[in-house]
Amino acid sequence: MRWLGNGIESGKPFWSSIVFDDDGVKKVRGHEVGMPIDTMSVEELEERIALIRDEIARLEKAIAARKSTRAAADSLFKL
């Protein structure tokens, strides 16, 4: 089965990112851009926002590290 959410092909159905623990409580594994959010509770949406913010911070840290490495390399090879 393939899920086409909001015109974005993710290759898997939206429920593939939801798991249940032993108590039957839903736990979010991740968020995919374009996945359906209509049935999510406020708490689930807030969890996803937190996940996305954490990922943005991780990506910004990686960008800063790469810029730092690039600047060091550029300064080494200046003529």
C-alpha atoms as a PDB file:
ATOM      1  CA  MET A   1       0.000   0.000   0.000  1.00  0.00           C
ATOM      2  CA  ARG A   2       1.325   3.463  -0.825  1.00  0.00           C
ATOM      3  CA  TRP A   3       0.216   6.642   0.859  1.00  0.00           C
ATOM      4  CA  LEU A   4       0.143   9.894  -1.055  1.00  0.00           C
ATOM      5  CA  GLY A   5      -0.270  12.566   1.580  1.00  0.00           C
ATOM      6  CA  ASN A   6      -0.990  16.088   0.378  1.00  0.00           C
ATOM      7  CA  GLY A   7       0.540  15.237  -2.987  1.00  0.00           C
ATOM      8  CA  ILE A   8       3.853  14.146  -1.448  1.00  0.00           C
ATOM      9  CA  GLU A   9       4.727  10.507  -1.982  1.00  0.00           C
ATOM     10  CA  SER A  10       6.222   9.136   1.215  1.00  0.00           C
ATOM     11  CA  GLY A  11       6.270   5.518   0.199  1.00  0.00           C
ATOM     12  CA  LYS A  12       4.576   4.264   3.363  1.00  0.00           C
ATOM     13  CA  PRO A  13       1.229   4.747   5.068  1.00  0.00           C
ATOM     14  CA  PHE A  14       0.928   7.377   7.780  1.00  0.00           C
ATOM     15  CA  TRP A  15       0.267   4.802  10.482  1.00  0.00           C
ATOM     16  CA  SER A  16       3.733   3.298   9.980  1.00  0.00           C
ATOM     17  CA  SER A  17       5.121   6.053  12.227  1.00  0.00           C
ATOM     18  CA  ILE A  18       2.812   5.203  15.119  1.00  0.00           C
ATOM     19  CA  VAL A  19       3.633   2.453  17.614  1.00  0.00           C
ATOM     20  CA  PHE A  20       1.797   1.239  20.679  1.00  0.00           C
ATOM     21  CA  ASP A  21       3.448   0.478  23.992  1.00  0.00           C
ATOM     22  CA  ASP A  22       2.342  -2.310  26.363  1.00  0.00           C
ATOM     23  CA  ASP A  23      -0.421  -0.121  27.805  1.00  0.00           C
ATOM     24  CA  GLY A  24      -1.908   0.503  24.363  1.00  0.00           C
ATOM     25  CA  VAL A  25      -0.810   4.145  24.357  1.00  0.00           C
ATOM     26  CA  LYS A  26       0.225   5.610  21.018  1.00  0.00           C
ATOM     27  CA  LYS A  27       3.807   6.802  20.786  1.00  0.00           C
ATOM     28  CA  VAL A  28       5.075   8.882  17.882  1.00  0.00           C
ATOM     29  CA  ARG A  29       8.204   7.614  16.150  1.00  0.00           C
ATOM     30  CA  GLY A  30       8.687  10.568  13.854  1.00  0.00           C
ATOM     31  CA  HIS A  31       7.101  12.989  11.486  1.00  0.00           C
ATOM     32  CA  GLU A  32       7.050  12.980   7.733  1.00  0.00           C
ATOM     33  CA  VAL A  33       6.401  16.141   5.768  1.00  0.00           C
ATOM     34  CA  GLY A  34       2.915  16.030   4.312  1.00  0.00           C
ATOM     35  CA  MET A  35       1.566  13.271   6.540  1.00  0.00           C
ATOM     36  CA  PRO A  36      -2.045  13.631   7.677  1.00  0.00           C
ATOM     37  CA  ILE A  37      -2.496  15.546  10.928  1.00  0.00           C
ATOM     38  CA  ASP A  38      -6.279  15.864  10.975  1.00  0.00           C
ATOM     39  CA  THR A  39      -6.819  13.129  13.556  1.00  0.00           C
ATOM     40  CA  MET A  40      -3.943  14.067  15.873  1.00  0.00           C
ATOM     41  CA  SER A  41      -4.624  15.480  19.321  1.00  0.00           C
ATOM     42  CA  VAL A  42      -3.142  18.748  20.563  1.00  0.00           C
ATOM     43  CA  GLU A  43      -0.642  16.735  22.604  1.00  0.00           C
ATOM     44  CA  GLU A  44       0.431  14.713  19.566  1.00  0.00           C
ATOM     45  CA  LEU A  45       0.855  17.883  17.510  1.00  0.00           C
ATOM     46  CA  GLU A  46       2.915  19.474  20.300  1.00  0.00           C
ATOM     47  CA  GLU A  47       5.120  16.343  20.450  1.00  0.00           C
ATOM     48  CA  ARG A  48       5.709  16.542  16.735  1.00  0.00           C
ATOM     49  CA  ILE A  49       6.552  20.244  16.946  1.00  0.00           C
ATOM     50  CA  ALA A  50       9.100  19.428  19.661  1.00  0.00           C
ATOM     51  CA  LEU A  51      10.606  16.671  17.484  1.00  0.00           C
ATOM     52  CA  ILE A  52      10.862  19.021  14.525  1.00  0.00           C
ATOM     53  CA  ARG A  53      12.416  21.813  16.633  1.00  0.00           C
ATOM     54  CA  ASP A  54      15.000  19.358  17.991  1.00  0.00           C
ATOM     55  CA  GLU A  55      15.795  18.245  14.460  1.00  0.00           C
ATOM     56  CA  ILE A  56      16.155  21.851  13.286  1.00  0.00           C
ATOM     57  CA  ALA A  57      18.599  22.519  16.143  1.00  0.00           C
ATOM     58  CA  ARG A  58      20.582  19.397  15.190  1.00  0.00           C
ATOM     59  CA  LEU A  59      20.718  20.489  11.545  1.00  0.00           C
ATOM     60  CA  GLU A  60      21.789  24.041  12.466  1.00  0.00           C
ATOM     61  CA  LYS A  61      24.580  22.609  14.631  1.00  0.00           C
ATOM     62  CA  ALA A  62      25.757  20.462  11.704  1.00  0.00           C
ATOM     63  CA  ILE A  63      25.722  23.497   9.399  1.00  0.00           C
ATOM     64  CA  ALA A  64      27.781  25.527  11.896  1.00  0.00           C
ATOM     65  CA  ALA A  65      30.319  22.698  12.199  1.00  0.00           C
ATOM     66  CA  ARG A  66      30.664  22.404   8.437  1.00  0.00           C
ATOM     67  CA  LYS A  67      31.072  26.170   8.041  1.00  0.00           C
ATOM     68  CA  SER A  68      33.757  26.143  10.722  1.00  0.00           C
ATOM     69  CA  THR A  69      35.604  23.292   8.997  1.00  0.00           C
ATOM     70  CA  ARG A  70      35.298  25.057   5.672  1.00  0.00           C
ATOM     71  CA  ALA A  71      36.631  28.332   7.092  1.00  0.00           C
ATOM     72  CA  ALA A  72      39.610  26.510   8.622  1.00  0.00           C
ATOM     73  CA  ALA A  73      40.362  24.787   5.323  1.00  0.00           C
ATOM     74  CA  ASP A  74      40.005  28.028   3.371  1.00  0.00           C
ATOM     75  CA  SER A  75      42.435  29.803   5.693  1.00  0.00           C
ATOM     76  CA  LEU A  76      44.988  26.986   5.229  1.00  0.00           C
ATOM     77  CA  PHE A  77      44.911  27.147   1.471  1.00  0.00           C
ATOM     78  CA  LYS A  78      44.909  30.930   0.990  1.00  0.00           C
ATOM     79  CA  LEU A  79      47.724  32.157  -1.177  1.00  0.00           C
END
